[in-house]
N, C-alpha and C. Protein backbone atom coordinates (compact mmCIF):
# COMPACT_ATOMS: atom_id res chain seq x y z
N UNK A 1 108.83 82.73 89.88
CA UNK A 1 108.43 82.49 91.25
C UNK A 1 109.02 81.16 91.73
N UNK A 2 109.41 81.15 92.99
CA UNK A 2 109.89 79.91 93.56
C UNK A 2 108.76 79.24 94.34
N UNK A 3 109.06 78.13 95.01
CA UNK A 3 108.04 77.36 95.71
C UNK A 3 107.34 78.17 96.80
N UNK A 4 108.02 79.14 97.38
CA UNK A 4 107.40 79.94 98.45
C UNK A 4 106.57 81.10 97.90
N UNK A 5 106.50 81.21 96.58
CA UNK A 5 105.71 82.27 95.97
C UNK A 5 106.47 83.57 95.77
N UNK A 6 107.75 83.59 96.10
CA UNK A 6 108.57 84.79 95.91
C UNK A 6 109.17 84.81 94.52
N UNK A 7 109.34 85.98 93.99
CA UNK A 7 109.96 86.14 92.69
C UNK A 7 111.44 85.79 92.78
N UNK A 8 111.92 85.05 91.80
CA UNK A 8 113.35 84.69 91.77
C UNK A 8 114.13 85.66 90.90
N UNK A 9 113.45 86.64 90.32
CA UNK A 9 114.12 87.62 89.48
C UNK A 9 114.92 88.59 90.35
N UNK A 10 116.15 88.80 89.98
CA UNK A 10 117.02 89.69 90.74
C UNK A 10 116.66 91.14 90.48
N UNK A 11 116.82 91.96 91.51
CA UNK A 11 116.59 93.39 91.38
C UNK A 11 117.73 94.01 90.57
N UNK A 12 117.40 95.02 89.77
CA UNK A 12 118.40 95.73 88.98
C UNK A 12 119.24 96.63 89.87
N UNK A 13 120.54 96.70 89.56
CA UNK A 13 121.44 97.52 90.37
C UNK A 13 122.53 98.14 89.52
N UNK A 14 123.12 99.19 90.06
CA UNK A 14 124.26 99.89 89.47
C UNK A 14 125.37 99.89 90.52
N UNK A 15 126.60 99.67 90.06
CA UNK A 15 127.77 99.75 90.95
C UNK A 15 128.50 101.04 90.61
N UNK A 16 128.77 101.86 91.62
CA UNK A 16 129.34 103.18 91.41
C UNK A 16 130.61 103.36 92.25
N UNK A 17 131.68 103.80 91.60
CA UNK A 17 132.88 104.23 92.31
C UNK A 17 132.55 105.61 92.90
N UNK A 18 133.30 106.02 93.90
CA UNK A 18 133.02 107.33 94.50
C UNK A 18 133.99 108.40 93.98
N UNK A 19 135.26 108.30 94.32
CA UNK A 19 136.22 109.36 94.01
C UNK A 19 136.51 109.46 92.52
N UNK A 20 136.38 110.67 92.01
CA UNK A 20 136.55 111.03 90.60
C UNK A 20 135.47 110.45 89.70
N UNK A 21 134.40 109.91 90.32
CA UNK A 21 133.27 109.39 89.56
C UNK A 21 132.00 110.14 89.94
N UNK A 22 131.64 110.12 91.24
CA UNK A 22 130.47 110.86 91.70
C UNK A 22 130.89 112.12 92.47
N UNK A 23 132.18 112.20 92.81
CA UNK A 23 132.68 113.43 93.43
C UNK A 23 134.15 113.63 93.08
N UNK A 24 134.57 114.87 93.20
CA UNK A 24 135.98 115.21 93.00
C UNK A 24 136.46 115.88 94.28
N UNK A 25 137.75 115.89 94.46
CA UNK A 25 138.36 116.53 95.64
C UNK A 25 137.68 116.09 96.94
N UNK A 26 137.30 114.83 96.98
CA UNK A 26 136.70 114.15 98.12
C UNK A 26 135.24 114.49 98.38
N UNK A 27 134.79 115.72 98.10
CA UNK A 27 133.41 116.06 98.46
C UNK A 27 132.72 117.06 97.54
N UNK A 28 133.26 117.26 96.35
CA UNK A 28 132.60 118.14 95.39
C UNK A 28 131.82 117.26 94.42
N UNK A 29 130.50 117.40 94.38
CA UNK A 29 129.68 116.49 93.58
C UNK A 29 129.87 116.68 92.07
N UNK A 30 129.76 115.57 91.35
CA UNK A 30 129.67 115.61 89.89
C UNK A 30 128.17 115.71 89.61
N UNK A 31 127.72 116.90 89.24
CA UNK A 31 126.29 117.17 89.13
C UNK A 31 125.56 116.23 88.16
N UNK A 32 126.18 115.92 87.04
CA UNK A 32 125.53 115.02 86.09
C UNK A 32 125.32 113.64 86.72
N UNK A 33 126.28 113.18 87.50
CA UNK A 33 126.17 111.90 88.17
C UNK A 33 125.10 111.91 89.25
N UNK A 34 125.05 112.97 90.02
CA UNK A 34 124.04 113.10 91.07
C UNK A 34 122.64 113.00 90.45
N UNK A 35 122.42 113.68 89.34
CA UNK A 35 121.11 113.64 88.68
C UNK A 35 120.73 112.25 88.21
N UNK A 36 121.66 111.57 87.56
CA UNK A 36 121.38 110.22 87.07
C UNK A 36 121.08 109.28 88.25
N UNK A 37 121.88 109.35 89.29
CA UNK A 37 121.68 108.45 90.42
C UNK A 37 120.38 108.74 91.18
N UNK A 38 120.02 110.00 91.34
CA UNK A 38 118.76 110.32 92.01
C UNK A 38 117.58 109.72 91.24
N UNK A 39 117.60 109.91 89.94
CA UNK A 39 116.52 109.38 89.10
C UNK A 39 116.50 107.86 89.15
N UNK A 40 117.67 107.23 89.10
CA UNK A 40 117.75 105.77 89.18
C UNK A 40 117.15 105.28 90.49
N UNK A 41 117.48 105.97 91.58
CA UNK A 41 116.92 105.60 92.87
C UNK A 41 115.42 105.75 92.92
N UNK A 42 114.91 106.82 92.33
CA UNK A 42 113.46 107.05 92.30
C UNK A 42 112.75 105.94 91.53
N UNK A 43 113.44 105.37 90.57
CA UNK A 43 112.86 104.31 89.75
C UNK A 43 113.04 102.93 90.36
N UNK A 44 113.65 102.87 91.53
CA UNK A 44 113.79 101.60 92.21
C UNK A 44 115.04 100.80 91.90
N UNK A 45 115.96 101.39 91.14
CA UNK A 45 117.22 100.70 90.91
C UNK A 45 118.06 100.75 92.19
N UNK A 46 118.69 99.65 92.53
CA UNK A 46 119.60 99.63 93.66
C UNK A 46 120.89 100.32 93.25
N UNK A 47 121.45 101.13 94.11
CA UNK A 47 122.73 101.78 93.85
C UNK A 47 123.68 101.33 94.95
N UNK A 48 124.82 100.78 94.52
CA UNK A 48 125.86 100.34 95.46
C UNK A 48 127.16 101.05 95.12
N UNK A 49 127.79 101.60 96.13
CA UNK A 49 129.04 102.33 95.98
C UNK A 49 130.18 101.43 96.45
N UNK A 50 131.10 101.13 95.55
CA UNK A 50 132.26 100.31 95.88
C UNK A 50 133.47 101.23 95.77
N UNK A 51 134.11 101.46 96.90
CA UNK A 51 135.13 102.49 96.97
C UNK A 51 136.43 101.99 97.57
N UNK A 52 137.51 102.66 97.21
CA UNK A 52 138.81 102.40 97.84
C UNK A 52 138.90 103.09 99.20
N UNK A 53 137.94 103.95 99.52
CA UNK A 53 137.92 104.59 100.83
C UNK A 53 137.78 103.53 101.91
N UNK A 54 138.44 103.77 103.02
CA UNK A 54 138.30 102.87 104.17
C UNK A 54 137.26 103.43 105.13
N UNK A 55 136.96 102.67 106.16
CA UNK A 55 135.95 103.12 107.11
C UNK A 55 136.37 104.37 107.88
N UNK A 56 137.64 104.74 107.83
CA UNK A 56 138.05 105.99 108.48
C UNK A 56 137.40 107.19 107.81
N UNK A 57 136.91 107.00 106.60
CA UNK A 57 136.24 108.07 105.85
C UNK A 57 134.72 107.98 105.94
N UNK A 58 134.22 107.07 106.75
CA UNK A 58 132.78 106.81 106.80
C UNK A 58 131.96 108.07 107.09
N UNK A 59 132.28 108.82 108.13
CA UNK A 59 131.47 109.99 108.50
C UNK A 59 131.41 111.01 107.37
N UNK A 60 132.56 111.34 106.80
CA UNK A 60 132.60 112.32 105.71
C UNK A 60 131.86 111.80 104.48
N UNK A 61 132.00 110.52 104.20
CA UNK A 61 131.32 109.93 103.04
C UNK A 61 129.81 109.95 103.25
N UNK A 62 129.36 109.55 104.41
CA UNK A 62 127.93 109.56 104.68
C UNK A 62 127.35 110.97 104.65
N UNK A 63 128.10 111.95 105.13
CA UNK A 63 127.65 113.34 105.07
C UNK A 63 127.51 113.80 103.62
N UNK A 64 128.50 113.44 102.78
CA UNK A 64 128.43 113.78 101.36
C UNK A 64 127.18 113.17 100.73
N UNK A 65 126.91 111.90 101.02
CA UNK A 65 125.75 111.21 100.44
C UNK A 65 124.44 111.88 100.88
N UNK A 66 124.34 112.19 102.16
CA UNK A 66 123.13 112.85 102.68
C UNK A 66 122.97 114.25 102.07
N UNK A 67 124.05 115.00 102.04
CA UNK A 67 124.00 116.38 101.56
C UNK A 67 123.51 116.47 100.11
N UNK A 68 123.81 115.43 99.33
CA UNK A 68 123.45 115.46 97.91
C UNK A 68 122.30 114.50 97.58
N UNK A 69 121.67 114.00 98.64
CA UNK A 69 120.48 113.14 98.52
C UNK A 69 120.71 111.99 97.53
N UNK A 70 121.84 111.31 97.71
CA UNK A 70 122.16 110.19 96.82
C UNK A 70 121.47 108.92 97.30
N UNK A 71 120.91 108.17 96.37
CA UNK A 71 120.27 106.91 96.76
C UNK A 71 121.34 105.89 97.14
N UNK A 72 120.95 104.93 97.93
CA UNK A 72 121.87 103.86 98.30
C UNK A 72 122.91 104.25 99.31
N UNK A 73 122.65 105.30 100.09
CA UNK A 73 123.67 105.74 101.04
C UNK A 73 123.96 104.68 102.11
N UNK A 74 123.10 103.70 102.25
CA UNK A 74 123.36 102.59 103.16
C UNK A 74 124.14 101.48 102.46
N UNK A 75 124.41 101.64 101.18
CA UNK A 75 125.10 100.62 100.37
C UNK A 75 126.50 101.06 99.97
N UNK A 76 127.26 101.56 100.91
CA UNK A 76 128.64 101.95 100.63
C UNK A 76 129.54 100.81 101.12
N UNK A 77 130.32 100.27 100.21
CA UNK A 77 131.21 99.15 100.51
C UNK A 77 132.64 99.68 100.60
N UNK A 78 133.09 99.88 101.84
CA UNK A 78 134.43 100.43 102.09
C UNK A 78 135.49 99.34 101.94
N UNK A 79 136.69 99.76 101.62
CA UNK A 79 137.80 98.84 101.42
C UNK A 79 138.44 98.45 102.76
N UNK A 80 138.47 97.17 103.08
CA UNK A 80 139.18 96.75 104.29
C UNK A 80 140.67 97.05 104.15
N UNK A 81 141.30 97.44 105.23
CA UNK A 81 142.71 97.85 105.15
C UNK A 81 143.63 96.70 104.76
N UNK A 82 143.20 95.46 104.95
CA UNK A 82 144.04 94.33 104.60
C UNK A 82 143.95 93.92 103.13
N UNK A 83 143.09 94.57 102.36
CA UNK A 83 142.95 94.26 100.93
C UNK A 83 143.43 95.43 100.08
N UNK A 84 143.91 95.12 98.89
CA UNK A 84 144.16 96.19 97.93
C UNK A 84 142.81 96.66 97.41
N UNK A 85 142.77 97.86 96.90
CA UNK A 85 141.49 98.35 96.37
C UNK A 85 141.05 97.51 95.17
N UNK A 86 142.00 97.02 94.37
CA UNK A 86 141.64 96.17 93.23
C UNK A 86 140.96 94.88 93.71
N UNK A 87 141.53 94.23 94.70
CA UNK A 87 140.94 92.99 95.22
C UNK A 87 139.58 93.26 95.86
N UNK A 88 139.48 94.34 96.61
CA UNK A 88 138.20 94.72 97.22
C UNK A 88 137.13 94.93 96.15
N UNK A 89 137.46 95.69 95.12
CA UNK A 89 136.47 95.99 94.08
C UNK A 89 136.08 94.73 93.32
N UNK A 90 137.04 93.84 93.08
CA UNK A 90 136.74 92.58 92.39
C UNK A 90 135.78 91.74 93.24
N UNK A 91 136.07 91.61 94.53
CA UNK A 91 135.22 90.81 95.42
C UNK A 91 133.82 91.40 95.55
N UNK A 92 133.74 92.71 95.65
CA UNK A 92 132.42 93.35 95.78
C UNK A 92 131.60 93.21 94.51
N UNK A 93 132.23 93.37 93.36
CA UNK A 93 131.51 93.18 92.09
C UNK A 93 130.98 91.74 92.01
N UNK A 94 131.81 90.80 92.43
CA UNK A 94 131.41 89.39 92.39
C UNK A 94 130.22 89.15 93.32
N UNK A 95 130.30 89.62 94.55
CA UNK A 95 129.21 89.44 95.50
C UNK A 95 127.93 90.12 95.01
N UNK A 96 128.05 91.37 94.57
CA UNK A 96 126.88 92.10 94.11
C UNK A 96 126.24 91.43 92.89
N UNK A 97 127.05 90.86 92.01
CA UNK A 97 126.48 90.20 90.83
C UNK A 97 125.72 88.93 91.19
N UNK A 98 126.04 88.34 92.33
CA UNK A 98 125.25 87.18 92.79
C UNK A 98 123.91 87.63 93.38
N UNK A 99 123.91 88.80 93.99
CA UNK A 99 122.71 89.29 94.68
C UNK A 99 121.76 90.08 93.77
N UNK A 100 122.31 90.76 92.76
CA UNK A 100 121.54 91.66 91.91
C UNK A 100 121.86 91.41 90.44
N UNK A 101 121.01 91.93 89.57
CA UNK A 101 121.32 91.98 88.15
C UNK A 101 121.98 93.34 87.92
N UNK A 102 123.29 93.34 87.77
CA UNK A 102 124.03 94.59 87.61
C UNK A 102 123.91 95.06 86.16
N UNK A 103 123.30 96.22 85.97
CA UNK A 103 123.14 96.73 84.61
C UNK A 103 124.38 97.48 84.15
N UNK A 104 125.18 97.98 85.09
CA UNK A 104 126.43 98.66 84.74
C UNK A 104 127.23 98.96 85.99
N UNK A 105 128.52 99.05 85.78
CA UNK A 105 129.45 99.55 86.79
C UNK A 105 130.05 100.81 86.19
N UNK A 106 130.19 101.85 87.00
CA UNK A 106 130.72 103.10 86.49
C UNK A 106 131.87 103.55 87.40
N UNK A 107 132.97 103.97 86.77
CA UNK A 107 134.12 104.41 87.53
C UNK A 107 135.17 105.04 86.64
N UNK A 108 136.24 105.50 87.27
CA UNK A 108 137.28 106.22 86.53
C UNK A 108 138.58 105.43 86.38
N UNK A 109 138.68 104.25 87.01
CA UNK A 109 139.98 103.58 87.00
C UNK A 109 139.92 102.17 86.44
N UNK A 110 141.11 101.64 86.19
CA UNK A 110 141.23 100.27 85.68
C UNK A 110 140.71 99.26 86.70
N UNK A 111 140.70 99.62 87.98
CA UNK A 111 140.24 98.69 89.01
C UNK A 111 138.77 98.33 88.82
N UNK A 112 137.92 99.32 88.65
CA UNK A 112 136.51 99.05 88.41
C UNK A 112 136.33 98.34 87.06
N UNK A 113 137.07 98.80 86.08
CA UNK A 113 136.95 98.21 84.75
C UNK A 113 137.32 96.73 84.78
N UNK A 114 138.41 96.38 85.43
CA UNK A 114 138.82 94.97 85.52
C UNK A 114 137.82 94.15 86.32
N UNK A 115 137.34 94.70 87.42
CA UNK A 115 136.37 93.98 88.25
C UNK A 115 135.10 93.68 87.45
N UNK A 116 134.61 94.66 86.73
CA UNK A 116 133.41 94.47 85.92
C UNK A 116 133.66 93.48 84.78
N UNK A 117 134.77 93.64 84.09
CA UNK A 117 135.08 92.77 82.95
C UNK A 117 135.18 91.31 83.36
N UNK A 118 135.74 91.04 84.53
CA UNK A 118 135.90 89.66 85.01
C UNK A 118 134.56 88.95 85.17
N UNK A 119 133.50 89.74 85.35
CA UNK A 119 132.18 89.16 85.57
C UNK A 119 131.21 89.43 84.42
N UNK A 120 131.69 90.03 83.35
CA UNK A 120 130.84 90.33 82.21
C UNK A 120 129.84 91.44 82.47
N UNK A 121 130.15 92.32 83.41
CA UNK A 121 129.28 93.45 83.74
C UNK A 121 129.64 94.60 82.81
N UNK A 122 128.66 95.22 82.15
CA UNK A 122 128.97 96.38 81.32
C UNK A 122 129.63 97.48 82.16
N UNK A 123 130.68 98.06 81.61
CA UNK A 123 131.42 99.09 82.34
C UNK A 123 131.34 100.42 81.61
N UNK A 124 131.14 101.48 82.38
CA UNK A 124 131.12 102.85 81.85
C UNK A 124 132.31 103.58 82.46
N UNK A 125 133.19 104.06 81.60
CA UNK A 125 134.39 104.77 82.04
C UNK A 125 134.08 106.26 82.19
N UNK A 126 134.49 106.81 83.32
CA UNK A 126 134.34 108.24 83.56
C UNK A 126 135.71 108.89 83.42
N UNK A 127 135.79 109.87 82.54
CA UNK A 127 137.01 110.67 82.41
C UNK A 127 136.86 111.82 83.40
N UNK A 128 137.74 111.89 84.41
CA UNK A 128 137.60 112.95 85.41
C UNK A 128 137.61 114.36 84.82
N UNK A 129 138.16 114.52 83.63
CA UNK A 129 138.16 115.84 82.98
C UNK A 129 136.83 116.14 82.30
N UNK A 130 136.08 115.09 81.98
CA UNK A 130 134.78 115.23 81.30
C UNK A 130 133.79 114.21 81.86
N UNK A 131 133.48 114.29 83.14
CA UNK A 131 132.64 113.25 83.75
C UNK A 131 131.23 113.16 83.18
N UNK A 132 130.71 114.27 82.68
CA UNK A 132 129.33 114.26 82.17
C UNK A 132 129.17 113.27 81.01
N UNK A 133 130.23 113.05 80.24
CA UNK A 133 130.15 112.10 79.12
C UNK A 133 129.87 110.69 79.62
N UNK A 134 130.60 110.26 80.66
CA UNK A 134 130.38 108.93 81.22
C UNK A 134 128.99 108.79 81.81
N UNK A 135 128.54 109.83 82.51
CA UNK A 135 127.21 109.76 83.10
C UNK A 135 126.13 109.76 82.03
N UNK A 136 126.35 110.45 80.92
CA UNK A 136 125.39 110.41 79.81
C UNK A 136 125.32 108.99 79.23
N UNK A 137 126.45 108.32 79.18
CA UNK A 137 126.48 106.93 78.69
C UNK A 137 125.67 106.03 79.62
N UNK A 138 125.83 106.20 80.92
CA UNK A 138 125.04 105.40 81.86
C UNK A 138 123.56 105.75 81.74
N UNK A 139 123.26 107.01 81.60
CA UNK A 139 121.89 107.47 81.40
C UNK A 139 121.28 106.74 80.19
N UNK A 140 122.03 106.66 79.09
CA UNK A 140 121.56 105.96 77.89
C UNK A 140 121.36 104.47 78.17
N UNK A 141 122.28 103.87 78.91
CA UNK A 141 122.19 102.44 79.24
C UNK A 141 120.91 102.16 80.02
N UNK A 142 120.61 103.00 80.98
CA UNK A 142 119.39 102.83 81.77
C UNK A 142 118.17 103.01 80.89
N UNK A 143 118.21 103.99 79.99
CA UNK A 143 117.09 104.23 79.08
C UNK A 143 116.87 103.04 78.15
N UNK A 144 117.96 102.41 77.69
CA UNK A 144 117.84 101.23 76.83
C UNK A 144 117.05 100.11 77.52
N UNK A 145 117.14 100.06 78.81
CA UNK A 145 116.42 99.05 79.58
C UNK A 145 114.98 99.47 79.85
N UNK A 146 114.61 100.66 79.39
CA UNK A 146 113.24 101.14 79.56
C UNK A 146 112.97 101.78 80.89
N UNK A 147 114.02 102.09 81.64
CA UNK A 147 113.83 102.67 82.97
C UNK A 147 113.51 104.16 82.92
N UNK A 148 114.22 104.92 82.10
CA UNK A 148 113.90 106.32 81.89
C UNK A 148 114.56 106.83 80.63
N UNK A 149 114.08 107.99 80.17
CA UNK A 149 114.59 108.56 78.93
C UNK A 149 115.92 109.27 79.17
N UNK A 150 116.86 109.23 78.18
CA UNK A 150 118.13 109.94 78.34
C UNK A 150 117.87 111.41 78.67
N UNK A 151 118.65 111.92 79.60
CA UNK A 151 118.53 113.32 79.97
C UNK A 151 117.39 113.62 80.90
N UNK A 152 116.60 112.61 81.26
CA UNK A 152 115.43 112.79 82.13
C UNK A 152 115.86 112.73 83.58
N UNK A 153 116.76 113.65 83.96
CA UNK A 153 117.28 113.68 85.32
C UNK A 153 117.09 115.07 85.89
N UNK A 154 117.29 115.16 87.21
CA UNK A 154 117.17 116.48 87.87
C UNK A 154 118.27 117.40 87.46
């Protein structure tokens, strides 16, 4: 607690890439990922999506999030056109790590991996050919923290 009586403990959060991590072909959901994220949201974990998508994709992205009832749909961090996706992801990971206790970053590319590694954030790699394996790893990571049991998803 600080002097004003507020807790100084940071809220737990997950950083999630969008394309080839939570969806394929722009709008086909990765079912294992949807289940893990829904459960994480129900448990009060913050979910932040850091994507290479620009704001030109906002409407379609928001529709995808709503259609699949993904938590954190207000927490989509789009890539400004003047930045590379690598720089955007690095900056967002840095900002989010100041605001939250990031328990993991999950994604399919070296960009998310490098951004997480630079800040000491645990990274979970998703193989687009076998995405359920990466999501099971994140599920286990959340369970290790006592948030929920592995496989305890919708």
